[in-house]
Every structure is written in structure tokens, then in C-alpha cells.
Amino acid sequence: MVQIIGYAALTLNLISMSMKSVLYLRVCSLIANAIYIVYGVLMNAPPVFIGCSIGVLLHSYYIYKIMRSRLRNSEQSFNNQNIN
């Protein structure tokens, strides 16, 4: 059962590497890292769950930045349409 969790995380990680969109890559990698954390805890492997915990934080931060940037761009686009 534990090995299935590890393979699920590996599969998501590999899928994320094939994505063209940075946002989708980050989301998929974040999910893979979250699964790796479970796997690392179950395997009693601190380097795995510590490293992946840091990965979750980093991916979360960059997803936030991407979403904030997209929101600003859509607001600017909306404001430019209202000016004309």
C-alpha cells in the first residue's frame, strides 16, 4: 500500500514535467509533493517529507504569485475597456 502512494506521487511528478503551462506544472507538482509527504511519513524518511514540505511551500508561493499577476492583468484589461 505504501509503495502505491510512492508510485502515485512519482506519476504525478512525471506528468507535471510534461506540462506547458507553468501554473498547471506548479499545481501538479504541489499535489505530488503533498503525496510524497505522506509517503515519507509512512516510510519514516525525514529527508523525503522535509524536502517535499519545502517544495509544497515553494509551489504554493509561486502559484499565489501567478494567480495574483493574472488577476492584476485581468483588472487592467477590464479598466482599459471601460476607458474606451
Foldseek 3Di string as FASTA:
>chain_A
DLVVLLVVLVVLLVVLVPDPDPLSSLVSNLVSLVSQLVSCVVVVNVVRNVVSVVSNVVSVVVNVVVVVVVVVVVVVVVVVVVVD
